[in-house]
Amino acid sequence: MSYLFSVTSDESLQKGLIEAVKIISEGGIVAFPTESFYGLGVDATNTEAVENLFQIKKRDHNLPILILISSMSNLPQCVTYIPLSAKRLGEKFWPGGLTMVFQSSPVVSSALTSSTGKVGVRISSHPLAHTLSKALHVPITGTSANISGKPPCLKADQVVEYFNSAVDIILDGGETQGKCPSTILDVTTDPPVIIREGMVKGEEIIKSGIYKKIVNLSNC
């Protein structure tokens, strides 16, 4: 069974983070709460760890996996080009529920991009998820903790039910809010395209004044 670590204080958070960082650095898998659901984190630069993540989720390799970074300053490491409009969007909506899709840099495992050459990037506003990404020197995956096609997890014990011992440690930060996942916006095109509308609505992006037009292909 996975190691279930309850995070109830600053002290327990620090202990949990030390263990989680060690596991991710060694190629393992960590589950942690985000703004919406529990997520699964591995070193996004470690292809073997990424392949293992696809395997335990039973996820089709044609479906890319997003990554989490801790600040805008980390973005150039992960992507080849940052449009000025996307930078402005990040300054407004990050940390938060917006995932932006960029052209991926060679640093990120190609297994994450599903041969698209693109990667979704987000900065989480959840304190635990954000602190975990900040504690590492590499981007981590932020895919939902679920078997593909099954509902994502709101509670740590649901992660245990799905994965048993396949996840090395679960940072139990209590029940998450659920509702919608992050919004996925492809900023490599003009106008940008909403691939999945979730926490950040298309209307909010338009109201920001950064883009005059966006294409919306999906709804939460």
N, C-alpha and C. Protein backbone atom coordinates (compact mmCIF):
# COMPACT_ATOMS: atom_id res chain seq x y z
N MET A 1 0.84 -1.20 0.00
CA MET A 1 0.00 0.00 0.00
C MET A 1 0.87 1.25 0.00
N SER A 2 0.39 2.31 -0.64
CA SER A 2 1.13 3.57 -0.68
C SER A 2 1.31 4.15 0.72
N TYR A 3 2.38 4.89 0.91
CA TYR A 3 2.63 5.57 2.18
C TYR A 3 1.76 6.82 2.23
N LEU A 4 0.79 6.81 3.12
CA LEU A 4 -0.14 7.93 3.26
C LEU A 4 0.39 8.86 4.34
N PHE A 5 0.78 10.08 3.96
CA PHE A 5 1.39 11.03 4.88
C PHE A 5 0.43 12.19 5.10
N SER A 6 -0.04 12.33 6.32
CA SER A 6 -1.01 13.37 6.65
C SER A 6 -0.31 14.70 6.90
N VAL A 7 -0.71 15.73 6.15
CA VAL A 7 -0.14 17.07 6.31
C VAL A 7 -1.12 17.92 7.10
N THR A 8 -0.82 18.14 8.38
CA THR A 8 -1.73 18.86 9.27
C THR A 8 -1.09 20.08 9.93
N SER A 9 0.21 20.28 9.70
CA SER A 9 0.92 21.39 10.33
C SER A 9 2.12 21.76 9.48
N ASP A 10 2.76 22.87 9.80
CA ASP A 10 3.97 23.28 9.07
C ASP A 10 5.07 22.24 9.23
N GLU A 11 5.14 21.66 10.43
CA GLU A 11 6.17 20.65 10.69
C GLU A 11 5.94 19.40 9.84
N SER A 12 4.68 18.93 9.80
CA SER A 12 4.39 17.74 9.01
C SER A 12 4.55 18.02 7.52
N LEU A 13 4.26 19.27 7.09
CA LEU A 13 4.45 19.65 5.70
C LEU A 13 5.93 19.54 5.33
N GLN A 14 6.80 20.06 6.17
CA GLN A 14 8.23 20.00 5.88
C GLN A 14 8.72 18.56 5.80
N LYS A 15 8.27 17.72 6.73
CA LYS A 15 8.67 16.30 6.71
C LYS A 15 8.16 15.60 5.45
N GLY A 16 6.91 15.90 5.11
CA GLY A 16 6.32 15.29 3.92
C GLY A 16 7.04 15.72 2.65
N LEU A 17 7.40 17.01 2.59
CA LEU A 17 8.08 17.53 1.41
C LEU A 17 9.47 16.91 1.25
N ILE A 18 10.18 16.74 2.34
CA ILE A 18 11.50 16.12 2.28
C ILE A 18 11.40 14.73 1.66
N GLU A 19 10.42 13.96 2.12
CA GLU A 19 10.23 12.60 1.61
C GLU A 19 9.78 12.63 0.14
N ALA A 20 8.86 13.54 -0.18
CA ALA A 20 8.33 13.62 -1.55
C ALA A 20 9.42 14.03 -2.54
N VAL A 21 10.25 15.00 -2.16
CA VAL A 21 11.33 15.44 -3.03
C VAL A 21 12.31 14.30 -3.27
N LYS A 22 12.61 13.55 -2.24
CA LYS A 22 13.53 12.40 -2.36
C LYS A 22 12.95 11.38 -3.34
N ILE A 23 11.66 11.09 -3.20
CA ILE A 23 11.02 10.09 -4.06
C ILE A 23 11.01 10.54 -5.52
N ILE A 24 10.61 11.78 -5.77
CA ILE A 24 10.57 12.28 -7.15
C ILE A 24 11.97 12.31 -7.75
N SER A 25 12.96 12.71 -6.97
CA SER A 25 14.34 12.78 -7.45
C SER A 25 14.88 11.40 -7.81
N GLU A 26 14.33 10.37 -7.19
CA GLU A 26 14.76 9.00 -7.46
C GLU A 26 13.89 8.31 -8.50
N GLY A 27 12.99 9.08 -9.14
CA GLY A 27 12.17 8.52 -10.21
C GLY A 27 10.83 7.97 -9.76
N GLY A 28 10.43 8.27 -8.53
CA GLY A 28 9.17 7.76 -8.00
C GLY A 28 7.98 8.66 -8.28
N ILE A 29 6.82 8.26 -7.75
CA ILE A 29 5.57 8.96 -7.99
C ILE A 29 4.97 9.45 -6.67
N VAL A 30 4.56 10.72 -6.66
CA VAL A 30 3.97 11.33 -5.47
C VAL A 30 2.58 11.85 -5.82
N ALA A 31 1.60 11.59 -4.96
CA ALA A 31 0.26 12.17 -5.11
C ALA A 31 0.12 13.33 -4.14
N PHE A 32 -0.56 14.38 -4.60
CA PHE A 32 -0.68 15.59 -3.79
C PHE A 32 -1.95 16.35 -4.19
N PRO A 33 -2.51 17.15 -3.28
CA PRO A 33 -3.72 17.91 -3.60
C PRO A 33 -3.42 19.14 -4.44
N THR A 34 -4.38 19.51 -5.31
CA THR A 34 -4.29 20.74 -6.08
C THR A 34 -5.58 21.53 -5.87
N GLU A 35 -5.75 22.62 -6.62
CA GLU A 35 -6.96 23.44 -6.49
C GLU A 35 -8.23 22.66 -6.81
N SER A 36 -8.10 21.67 -7.68
CA SER A 36 -9.29 20.94 -8.12
C SER A 36 -9.32 19.52 -7.57
N PHE A 37 -8.36 18.70 -7.99
CA PHE A 37 -8.31 17.29 -7.61
C PHE A 37 -6.91 16.93 -7.11
N TYR A 38 -6.74 15.69 -6.67
CA TYR A 38 -5.39 15.22 -6.36
C TYR A 38 -4.65 14.98 -7.67
N GLY A 39 -3.35 15.27 -7.67
CA GLY A 39 -2.52 15.09 -8.85
C GLY A 39 -1.42 14.09 -8.60
N LEU A 40 -0.78 13.67 -9.68
CA LEU A 40 0.35 12.74 -9.60
C LEU A 40 1.58 13.42 -10.15
N GLY A 41 2.63 13.47 -9.33
CA GLY A 41 3.85 14.16 -9.72
C GLY A 41 5.03 13.23 -9.89
N VAL A 42 5.69 13.36 -11.04
CA VAL A 42 6.99 12.73 -11.27
C VAL A 42 7.90 13.78 -11.89
N ASP A 43 9.18 13.49 -11.94
CA ASP A 43 10.16 14.36 -12.58
C ASP A 43 9.85 14.42 -14.08
N ALA A 44 9.46 15.58 -14.56
CA ALA A 44 9.05 15.72 -15.97
C ALA A 44 10.22 15.60 -16.94
N THR A 45 11.45 15.57 -16.43
CA THR A 45 12.62 15.40 -17.29
C THR A 45 13.09 13.94 -17.31
N ASN A 46 12.43 13.08 -16.54
CA ASN A 46 12.81 11.67 -16.41
C ASN A 46 11.85 10.81 -17.23
N THR A 47 12.28 10.38 -18.41
CA THR A 47 11.39 9.63 -19.31
C THR A 47 10.90 8.33 -18.69
N GLU A 48 11.76 7.64 -17.96
CA GLU A 48 11.36 6.38 -17.34
C GLU A 48 10.24 6.61 -16.32
N ALA A 49 10.37 7.67 -15.53
CA ALA A 49 9.34 7.99 -14.54
C ALA A 49 8.04 8.37 -15.23
N VAL A 50 8.14 9.13 -16.32
CA VAL A 50 6.95 9.52 -17.08
C VAL A 50 6.25 8.30 -17.68
N GLU A 51 7.03 7.38 -18.23
CA GLU A 51 6.45 6.16 -18.80
C GLU A 51 5.75 5.34 -17.72
N ASN A 52 6.32 5.30 -16.54
CA ASN A 52 5.69 4.59 -15.42
C ASN A 52 4.37 5.24 -15.05
N LEU A 53 4.32 6.56 -15.11
CA LEU A 53 3.10 7.30 -14.81
C LEU A 53 2.00 6.95 -15.81
N PHE A 54 2.33 6.93 -17.08
CA PHE A 54 1.36 6.52 -18.10
C PHE A 54 0.84 5.12 -17.81
N GLN A 55 1.74 4.25 -17.40
CA GLN A 55 1.39 2.86 -17.16
C GLN A 55 0.41 2.71 -16.00
N ILE A 56 0.68 3.37 -14.87
CA ILE A 56 -0.21 3.17 -13.71
C ILE A 56 -1.56 3.84 -13.92
N LYS A 57 -1.59 4.90 -14.73
CA LYS A 57 -2.86 5.56 -15.03
C LYS A 57 -3.63 4.86 -16.16
N LYS A 58 -2.94 3.91 -16.84
CA LYS A 58 -3.51 3.26 -18.03
C LYS A 58 -3.91 4.33 -19.06
N ARG A 59 -3.03 5.30 -19.20
CA ARG A 59 -3.30 6.46 -20.05
C ARG A 59 -2.75 6.24 -21.46
N ASP A 60 -3.56 6.59 -22.45
CA ASP A 60 -3.14 6.52 -23.84
C ASP A 60 -1.96 7.47 -24.08
N HIS A 61 -0.93 6.98 -24.74
CA HIS A 61 0.24 7.82 -24.99
C HIS A 61 -0.04 8.96 -25.97
N ASN A 62 -1.20 8.93 -26.60
CA ASN A 62 -1.59 10.04 -27.48
C ASN A 62 -2.14 11.23 -26.70
N LEU A 63 -2.30 11.07 -25.39
CA LEU A 63 -2.83 12.14 -24.54
C LEU A 63 -1.68 12.77 -23.75
N PRO A 64 -1.33 14.01 -24.03
CA PRO A 64 -0.22 14.66 -23.32
C PRO A 64 -0.51 14.84 -21.83
N ILE A 65 0.53 15.09 -21.06
CA ILE A 65 0.42 15.34 -19.63
C ILE A 65 1.03 16.70 -19.32
N LEU A 66 0.31 17.51 -18.54
CA LEU A 66 0.79 18.86 -18.21
C LEU A 66 1.85 18.81 -17.11
N ILE A 67 2.57 19.91 -16.98
CA ILE A 67 3.59 20.01 -15.95
C ILE A 67 3.35 21.23 -15.07
N LEU A 68 3.91 21.17 -13.87
CA LEU A 68 3.83 22.28 -12.92
C LEU A 68 5.21 22.88 -12.71
N ILE A 69 5.25 24.21 -12.68
CA ILE A 69 6.48 24.93 -12.32
C ILE A 69 6.14 25.84 -11.14
N SER A 70 7.16 26.41 -10.52
CA SER A 70 6.90 27.20 -9.32
C SER A 70 6.86 28.71 -9.57
N SER A 71 7.40 29.16 -10.71
CA SER A 71 7.38 30.59 -11.00
C SER A 71 7.58 30.83 -12.48
N MET A 72 7.26 32.05 -12.93
CA MET A 72 7.44 32.42 -14.33
C MET A 72 8.91 32.30 -14.75
N SER A 73 9.81 32.48 -13.80
CA SER A 73 11.24 32.41 -14.12
C SER A 73 11.67 31.02 -14.55
N ASN A 74 10.87 30.00 -14.21
CA ASN A 74 11.18 28.62 -14.60
C ASN A 74 10.68 28.28 -16.00
N LEU A 75 9.80 29.12 -16.54
CA LEU A 75 9.17 28.80 -17.81
C LEU A 75 10.16 28.66 -18.97
N PRO A 76 11.16 29.53 -19.13
CA PRO A 76 12.09 29.40 -20.25
C PRO A 76 12.84 28.06 -20.27
N GLN A 77 12.96 27.42 -19.12
CA GLN A 77 13.62 26.11 -19.06
C GLN A 77 12.79 25.05 -19.77
N CYS A 78 11.46 25.23 -19.78
CA CYS A 78 10.56 24.18 -20.24
C CYS A 78 10.04 24.38 -21.65
N VAL A 79 10.10 25.60 -22.15
CA VAL A 79 9.51 25.91 -23.46
C VAL A 79 10.51 26.66 -24.32
N THR A 80 10.28 26.62 -25.64
CA THR A 80 11.23 27.24 -26.56
C THR A 80 10.93 28.70 -26.84
N TYR A 81 9.66 29.08 -26.69
CA TYR A 81 9.27 30.45 -27.02
C TYR A 81 8.08 30.86 -26.17
N ILE A 82 8.14 32.09 -25.64
CA ILE A 82 7.06 32.62 -24.80
C ILE A 82 6.51 33.87 -25.46
N PRO A 83 5.34 33.79 -26.10
CA PRO A 83 4.75 35.00 -26.68
C PRO A 83 4.50 36.04 -25.59
N LEU A 84 4.63 37.32 -25.95
CA LEU A 84 4.42 38.39 -24.98
C LEU A 84 3.02 38.32 -24.38
N SER A 85 2.03 38.00 -25.20
CA SER A 85 0.66 37.91 -24.70
C SER A 85 0.52 36.79 -23.68
N ALA A 86 1.22 35.67 -23.89
CA ALA A 86 1.18 34.56 -22.94
C ALA A 86 1.85 34.95 -21.63
N LYS A 87 2.93 35.71 -21.72
CA LYS A 87 3.62 36.19 -20.51
C LYS A 87 2.67 37.07 -19.70
N ARG A 88 1.94 37.94 -20.38
CA ARG A 88 0.98 38.81 -19.69
C ARG A 88 -0.14 37.98 -19.07
N LEU A 89 -0.56 36.92 -19.77
CA LEU A 89 -1.62 36.05 -19.26
C LEU A 89 -1.14 35.33 -18.00
N GLY A 90 0.09 34.87 -18.02
CA GLY A 90 0.65 34.21 -16.85
C GLY A 90 0.74 35.14 -15.65
N GLU A 91 1.11 36.39 -15.92
CA GLU A 91 1.20 37.38 -14.84
C GLU A 91 -0.16 37.64 -14.20
N LYS A 92 -1.22 37.47 -14.98
CA LYS A 92 -2.57 37.73 -14.47
C LYS A 92 -3.19 36.49 -13.80
N PHE A 93 -3.02 35.31 -14.40
CA PHE A 93 -3.75 34.13 -13.95
C PHE A 93 -2.91 33.10 -13.20
N TRP A 94 -1.62 33.29 -13.14
CA TRP A 94 -0.76 32.37 -12.38
C TRP A 94 -0.34 33.01 -11.06
N PRO A 95 -0.26 32.27 -9.97
CA PRO A 95 -0.72 30.89 -9.82
C PRO A 95 -2.25 30.79 -9.97
N GLY A 96 -2.71 29.65 -10.47
CA GLY A 96 -4.14 29.47 -10.65
C GLY A 96 -4.49 28.35 -11.60
N GLY A 97 -5.76 28.34 -12.00
CA GLY A 97 -6.30 27.22 -12.76
C GLY A 97 -6.21 27.36 -14.25
N LEU A 98 -5.12 27.93 -14.76
CA LEU A 98 -4.92 28.05 -16.20
C LEU A 98 -3.66 27.32 -16.61
N THR A 99 -3.82 26.38 -17.54
CA THR A 99 -2.68 25.68 -18.14
C THR A 99 -2.47 26.25 -19.53
N MET A 100 -1.27 26.73 -19.82
CA MET A 100 -0.96 27.24 -21.15
C MET A 100 -0.07 26.25 -21.90
N VAL A 101 -0.39 26.02 -23.16
CA VAL A 101 0.35 25.09 -23.99
C VAL A 101 1.35 25.86 -24.85
N PHE A 102 2.63 25.46 -24.73
CA PHE A 102 3.73 26.08 -25.47
C PHE A 102 4.46 25.02 -26.30
N GLN A 103 5.37 25.47 -27.16
CA GLN A 103 6.30 24.55 -27.80
C GLN A 103 7.29 24.09 -26.74
N SER A 104 7.44 22.77 -26.62
CA SER A 104 8.26 22.20 -25.55
C SER A 104 9.75 22.31 -25.84
N SER A 105 10.53 22.49 -24.76
CA SER A 105 11.98 22.47 -24.88
C SER A 105 12.48 21.03 -24.73
N PRO A 106 13.72 20.76 -25.14
CA PRO A 106 14.27 19.39 -25.00
C PRO A 106 14.41 18.93 -23.56
N VAL A 107 14.35 19.86 -22.62
CA VAL A 107 14.49 19.49 -21.20
C VAL A 107 13.34 18.59 -20.76
N VAL A 108 12.14 18.86 -21.26
CA VAL A 108 10.96 18.09 -20.89
C VAL A 108 10.93 16.79 -21.66
N SER A 109 10.62 15.69 -20.96
CA SER A 109 10.56 14.38 -21.62
C SER A 109 9.56 14.41 -22.78
N SER A 110 10.00 13.93 -23.94
CA SER A 110 9.12 13.91 -25.11
C SER A 110 7.92 13.00 -24.90
N ALA A 111 8.02 12.08 -23.94
CA ALA A 111 6.89 11.19 -23.64
C ALA A 111 5.68 11.98 -23.14
N LEU A 112 5.93 13.15 -22.54
CA LEU A 112 4.83 13.98 -22.03
C LEU A 112 4.06 14.68 -23.13
N THR A 113 4.71 14.91 -24.26
CA THR A 113 4.12 15.72 -25.32
C THR A 113 3.30 14.92 -26.32
N SER A 114 3.36 13.60 -26.21
CA SER A 114 2.63 12.72 -27.14
C SER A 114 2.96 13.05 -28.60
N SER A 115 4.23 13.31 -28.84
CA SER A 115 4.74 13.58 -30.19
C SER A 115 4.17 14.86 -30.81
N THR A 116 3.57 15.73 -29.99
CA THR A 116 3.04 16.99 -30.52
C THR A 116 4.11 18.08 -30.52
N GLY A 117 5.15 17.90 -29.71
CA GLY A 117 6.16 18.94 -29.57
C GLY A 117 5.69 20.07 -28.68
N LYS A 118 4.52 19.89 -28.05
CA LYS A 118 3.95 20.92 -27.19
C LYS A 118 3.77 20.39 -25.77
N VAL A 119 3.81 21.29 -24.80
CA VAL A 119 3.61 20.90 -23.41
C VAL A 119 2.75 21.93 -22.69
N GLY A 120 1.83 21.45 -21.86
CA GLY A 120 1.01 22.32 -21.04
C GLY A 120 1.72 22.65 -19.74
N VAL A 121 1.70 23.92 -19.36
CA VAL A 121 2.43 24.37 -18.17
C VAL A 121 1.51 25.18 -17.27
N ARG A 122 1.66 24.97 -15.98
CA ARG A 122 0.83 25.70 -15.02
C ARG A 122 1.61 25.97 -13.74
N ILE A 123 1.23 27.02 -13.03
CA ILE A 123 1.70 27.26 -11.66
C ILE A 123 0.49 27.08 -10.76
N SER A 124 0.56 26.14 -9.84
CA SER A 124 -0.58 25.85 -8.97
C SER A 124 -0.70 26.88 -7.85
N SER A 125 -1.94 27.20 -7.52
CA SER A 125 -2.18 28.11 -6.40
C SER A 125 -2.44 27.36 -5.10
N HIS A 126 -2.48 26.02 -5.18
CA HIS A 126 -2.66 25.25 -3.94
C HIS A 126 -1.35 25.28 -3.15
N PRO A 127 -1.39 25.65 -1.88
CA PRO A 127 -0.15 25.81 -1.11
C PRO A 127 0.75 24.59 -1.12
N LEU A 128 0.16 23.40 -1.00
CA LEU A 128 0.98 22.20 -0.93
C LEU A 128 1.60 21.88 -2.29
N ALA A 129 0.78 21.93 -3.35
CA ALA A 129 1.29 21.66 -4.69
C ALA A 129 2.36 22.67 -5.08
N HIS A 130 2.13 23.93 -4.75
CA HIS A 130 3.08 24.98 -5.11
C HIS A 130 4.39 24.81 -4.34
N THR A 131 4.29 24.48 -3.07
CA THR A 131 5.49 24.30 -2.26
C THR A 131 6.30 23.11 -2.73
N LEU A 132 5.61 22.05 -3.14
CA LEU A 132 6.30 20.87 -3.66
C LEU A 132 7.05 21.21 -4.94
N SER A 133 6.41 21.90 -5.87
CA SER A 133 7.08 22.25 -7.13
C SER A 133 8.25 23.20 -6.87
N LYS A 134 8.10 24.06 -5.88
CA LYS A 134 9.17 25.01 -5.55
C LYS A 134 10.37 24.32 -4.92
N ALA A 135 10.12 23.20 -4.24
CA ALA A 135 11.19 22.49 -3.53
C ALA A 135 12.08 21.68 -4.48
N LEU A 136 11.63 21.52 -5.72
CA LEU A 136 12.38 20.73 -6.70
C LEU A 136 13.06 21.65 -7.71
N HIS A 137 14.11 21.13 -8.34
CA HIS A 137 14.84 21.91 -9.34
C HIS A 137 14.42 21.51 -10.75
N VAL A 138 13.38 20.71 -10.85
CA VAL A 138 12.87 20.26 -12.15
C VAL A 138 11.36 20.46 -12.17
N PRO A 139 10.76 20.60 -13.35
CA PRO A 139 9.30 20.63 -13.42
C PRO A 139 8.74 19.26 -13.08
N ILE A 140 7.53 19.23 -12.53
CA ILE A 140 6.90 17.95 -12.22
C ILE A 140 5.57 17.85 -12.96
N THR A 141 5.11 16.63 -13.14
CA THR A 141 3.81 16.44 -13.78
C THR A 141 2.70 16.84 -12.83
N GLY A 142 1.56 17.25 -13.42
CA GLY A 142 0.42 17.66 -12.62
C GLY A 142 -0.85 16.98 -13.07
N THR A 143 -0.72 15.79 -13.67
CA THR A 143 -1.89 15.07 -14.16
C THR A 143 -2.77 14.61 -13.00
N SER A 144 -4.07 14.49 -13.24
CA SER A 144 -4.99 14.10 -12.17
C SER A 144 -4.72 12.68 -11.70
N ALA A 145 -4.97 12.44 -10.43
CA ALA A 145 -4.76 11.13 -9.83
C ALA A 145 -6.00 10.27 -10.08
N ASN A 146 -5.97 9.55 -11.18
CA ASN A 146 -7.07 8.65 -11.51
C ASN A 146 -6.61 7.68 -12.58
N ILE A 147 -7.36 6.59 -12.71
CA ILE A 147 -7.19 5.71 -13.86
C ILE A 147 -7.91 6.38 -15.02
N SER A 148 -7.30 6.44 -16.19
CA SER A 148 -7.89 7.15 -17.32
C SER A 148 -9.32 6.68 -17.57
N GLY A 149 -10.21 7.67 -17.70
CA GLY A 149 -11.63 7.38 -17.91
C GLY A 149 -12.43 7.31 -16.64
N LYS A 150 -11.74 7.25 -15.49
CA LYS A 150 -12.41 7.20 -14.19
C LYS A 150 -12.41 8.60 -13.56
N PRO A 151 -13.32 8.84 -12.60
CA PRO A 151 -13.36 10.16 -11.95
C PRO A 151 -12.06 10.47 -11.20
N PRO A 152 -11.61 11.71 -11.23
CA PRO A 152 -10.41 12.09 -10.47
C PRO A 152 -10.69 12.09 -8.97
N CYS A 153 -9.64 12.02 -8.19
CA CYS A 153 -9.76 11.87 -6.74
C CYS A 153 -9.87 13.21 -6.03
N LEU A 154 -10.81 13.27 -5.08
CA LEU A 154 -10.96 14.43 -4.21
C LEU A 154 -10.30 14.20 -2.85
N LYS A 155 -10.06 12.93 -2.51
CA LYS A 155 -9.52 12.58 -1.20
C LYS A 155 -8.34 11.63 -1.36
N ALA A 156 -7.47 11.65 -0.37
CA ALA A 156 -6.27 10.81 -0.40
C ALA A 156 -6.62 9.33 -0.42
N ASP A 157 -7.65 8.93 0.34
CA ASP A 157 -7.98 7.51 0.39
C ASP A 157 -8.50 7.00 -0.95
N GLN A 158 -9.05 7.90 -1.78
CA GLN A 158 -9.47 7.50 -3.12
C GLN A 158 -8.26 7.20 -4.00
N VAL A 159 -7.16 7.93 -3.76
CA VAL A 159 -5.92 7.65 -4.49
C VAL A 159 -5.43 6.24 -4.14
N VAL A 160 -5.53 5.89 -2.87
CA VAL A 160 -5.13 4.55 -2.43
C VAL A 160 -5.97 3.49 -3.13
N GLU A 161 -7.28 3.72 -3.24
CA GLU A 161 -8.19 2.77 -3.88
C GLU A 161 -7.81 2.54 -5.35
N TYR A 162 -7.44 3.60 -6.03
CA TYR A 162 -7.07 3.49 -7.44
C TYR A 162 -5.72 2.79 -7.64
N PHE A 163 -4.74 3.19 -6.84
CA PHE A 163 -3.36 2.83 -7.16
C PHE A 163 -2.69 1.89 -6.16
N ASN A 164 -3.27 1.71 -4.98
CA ASN A 164 -2.68 0.83 -3.97
C ASN A 164 -1.21 1.21 -3.74
N SER A 165 -0.28 0.34 -4.13
CA SER A 165 1.14 0.61 -3.87
C SER A 165 1.87 1.20 -5.08
N ALA A 166 1.15 1.49 -6.16
CA ALA A 166 1.80 2.02 -7.37
C ALA A 166 2.30 3.45 -7.18
N VAL A 167 1.70 4.17 -6.24
CA VAL A 167 2.16 5.52 -5.89
C VAL A 167 3.00 5.41 -4.63
N ASP A 168 4.16 6.03 -4.64
CA ASP A 168 5.11 5.85 -3.54
C ASP A 168 4.69 6.56 -2.26
N ILE A 169 4.17 7.77 -2.38
CA ILE A 169 3.69 8.50 -1.21
C ILE A 169 2.52 9.39 -1.60
N ILE A 170 1.55 9.48 -0.72
CA ILE A 170 0.41 10.37 -0.92
C ILE A 170 0.44 11.43 0.17
N LEU A 171 0.59 12.69 -0.24
CA LEU A 171 0.56 13.79 0.71
C LEU A 171 -0.91 14.14 0.94
N ASP A 172 -1.42 13.76 2.08
CA ASP A 172 -2.84 13.95 2.39
C ASP A 172 -3.05 15.36 2.95
N GLY A 173 -3.56 16.23 2.10
CA GLY A 173 -3.83 17.59 2.52
C GLY A 173 -5.31 17.87 2.69
N GLY A 174 -6.10 16.80 2.86
CA GLY A 174 -7.53 16.96 3.02
C GLY A 174 -8.26 16.91 1.70
N GLU A 175 -9.56 17.11 1.76
CA GLU A 175 -10.39 17.03 0.56
C GLU A 175 -10.19 18.27 -0.32
N THR A 176 -10.11 18.05 -1.62
CA THR A 176 -9.96 19.16 -2.57
C THR A 176 -11.33 19.66 -3.03
N GLN A 177 -11.33 20.79 -3.74
CA GLN A 177 -12.58 21.43 -4.13
C GLN A 177 -13.32 20.71 -5.25
N GLY A 178 -12.57 20.00 -6.11
CA GLY A 178 -13.21 19.32 -7.22
C GLY A 178 -13.72 20.30 -8.25
N LYS A 179 -14.97 20.10 -8.67
CA LYS A 179 -15.58 20.93 -9.72
C LYS A 179 -14.80 20.76 -11.02
N CYS A 180 -14.35 21.86 -11.62
CA CYS A 180 -13.68 21.81 -12.91
C CYS A 180 -12.16 21.65 -12.75
N PRO A 181 -11.51 21.01 -13.73
CA PRO A 181 -10.05 20.98 -13.76
C PRO A 181 -9.53 22.30 -14.27
N SER A 182 -8.24 22.40 -14.48
CA SER A 182 -7.67 23.63 -15.03
C SER A 182 -8.12 23.82 -16.48
N THR A 183 -8.16 25.06 -16.89
CA THR A 183 -8.43 25.39 -18.30
C THR A 183 -7.13 25.20 -19.08
N ILE A 184 -7.23 24.59 -20.26
CA ILE A 184 -6.06 24.39 -21.11
C ILE A 184 -6.17 25.29 -22.33
N LEU A 185 -5.22 26.22 -22.46
CA LEU A 185 -5.22 27.19 -23.55
C LEU A 185 -3.95 27.05 -24.38
N ASP A 186 -4.10 26.74 -25.66
CA ASP A 186 -2.95 26.62 -26.56
C ASP A 186 -2.57 28.01 -27.05
N VAL A 187 -1.42 28.49 -26.60
CA VAL A 187 -0.97 29.84 -26.96
C VAL A 187 0.04 29.82 -28.11
N THR A 188 0.19 28.65 -28.75
CA THR A 188 1.10 28.56 -29.90
C THR A 188 0.40 28.98 -31.19
N THR A 189 -0.92 29.23 -31.12
CA THR A 189 -1.67 29.64 -32.29
C THR A 189 -2.21 31.05 -32.10
N ASP A 190 -2.61 31.68 -33.19
CA ASP A 190 -3.18 33.03 -33.13
C ASP A 190 -4.45 33.06 -33.99
N PRO A 191 -5.64 33.18 -33.36
CA PRO A 191 -5.85 33.38 -31.92
C PRO A 191 -5.61 32.09 -31.14
N PRO A 192 -5.39 32.19 -29.83
CA PRO A 192 -5.19 31.01 -29.00
C PRO A 192 -6.46 30.16 -28.92
N VAL A 193 -6.29 28.89 -28.59
CA VAL A 193 -7.40 27.95 -28.60
C VAL A 193 -7.59 27.32 -27.22
N ILE A 194 -8.83 27.40 -26.71
CA ILE A 194 -9.16 26.70 -25.47
C ILE A 194 -9.44 25.24 -25.82
N ILE A 195 -8.56 24.36 -25.38
CA ILE A 195 -8.73 22.93 -25.62
C ILE A 195 -9.68 22.34 -24.59
N ARG A 196 -9.59 22.84 -23.38
CA ARG A 196 -10.49 22.40 -22.30
C ARG A 196 -10.81 23.62 -21.44
N GLU A 197 -12.08 23.95 -21.34
CA GLU A 197 -12.48 25.06 -20.47
C GLU A 197 -12.79 24.52 -19.09
N GLY A 198 -12.15 25.09 -18.10
CA GLY A 198 -12.33 24.62 -16.73
C GLY A 198 -12.44 25.77 -15.75
N MET A 199 -11.46 25.90 -14.86
CA MET A 199 -11.53 26.85 -13.77
C MET A 199 -11.52 28.30 -14.25
N VAL A 200 -10.75 28.58 -15.28
CA VAL A 200 -10.71 29.94 -15.85
C VAL A 200 -11.56 29.94 -17.11
N LYS A 201 -12.61 30.73 -17.12
CA LYS A 201 -13.54 30.75 -18.24
C LYS A 201 -13.00 31.62 -19.38
N GLY A 202 -13.46 31.28 -20.58
CA GLY A 202 -13.04 32.04 -21.74
C GLY A 202 -13.36 33.51 -21.63
N GLU A 203 -14.50 33.81 -21.00
CA GLU A 203 -14.91 35.21 -20.82
C GLU A 203 -13.90 35.99 -19.98
N GLU A 204 -13.33 35.31 -18.98
CA GLU A 204 -12.34 35.97 -18.12
C GLU A 204 -11.08 36.32 -18.92
N ILE A 205 -10.69 35.41 -19.81
CA ILE A 205 -9.49 35.65 -20.62
C ILE A 205 -9.72 36.83 -21.56
N ILE A 206 -10.90 36.87 -22.17
CA ILE A 206 -11.24 37.99 -23.07
C ILE A 206 -11.29 39.30 -22.29
N LYS A 207 -11.91 39.27 -21.11
CA LYS A 207 -12.03 40.48 -20.30
C LYS A 207 -10.68 41.02 -19.85
N SER A 208 -9.66 40.17 -19.83
CA SER A 208 -8.33 40.63 -19.43
C SER A 208 -7.76 41.63 -20.43
N GLY A 209 -8.31 41.61 -21.66
CA GLY A 209 -7.85 42.54 -22.68
C GLY A 209 -6.57 42.11 -23.38
N ILE A 210 -6.04 40.95 -23.00
CA ILE A 210 -4.78 40.48 -23.57
C ILE A 210 -4.98 39.95 -24.99
N TYR A 211 -6.11 39.27 -25.19
CA TYR A 211 -6.46 38.76 -26.51
C TYR A 211 -7.79 39.37 -26.95
N LYS A 212 -7.89 39.73 -28.21
CA LYS A 212 -9.16 40.24 -28.73
C LYS A 212 -10.10 39.09 -29.09
N LYS A 213 -9.51 37.91 -29.37
CA LYS A 213 -10.31 36.76 -29.78
C LYS A 213 -9.64 35.47 -29.32
N ILE A 214 -10.46 34.52 -28.88
CA ILE A 214 -9.98 33.17 -28.61
C ILE A 214 -10.96 32.19 -29.22
N VAL A 215 -10.48 31.01 -29.54
CA VAL A 215 -11.32 29.94 -30.06
C VAL A 215 -11.56 28.94 -28.95
N ASN A 216 -12.83 28.65 -28.69
CA ASN A 216 -13.19 27.74 -27.61
C ASN A 216 -13.68 26.42 -28.17
N LEU A 217 -12.92 25.35 -27.96
CA LEU A 217 -13.27 24.04 -28.48
C LEU A 217 -13.91 23.13 -27.44
N SER A 218 -14.01 23.60 -26.20
CA SER A 218 -14.48 22.70 -25.15
C SER A 218 -15.16 23.47 -24.03
N ASN A 219 -15.96 22.76 -23.27
CA ASN A 219 -16.60 23.32 -22.07
C ASN A 219 -16.44 22.34 -20.92
N CYS A 220 -16.35 22.88 -19.69
CA CYS A 220 -16.19 22.05 -18.50
C CYS A 220 -17.48 21.27 -18.25
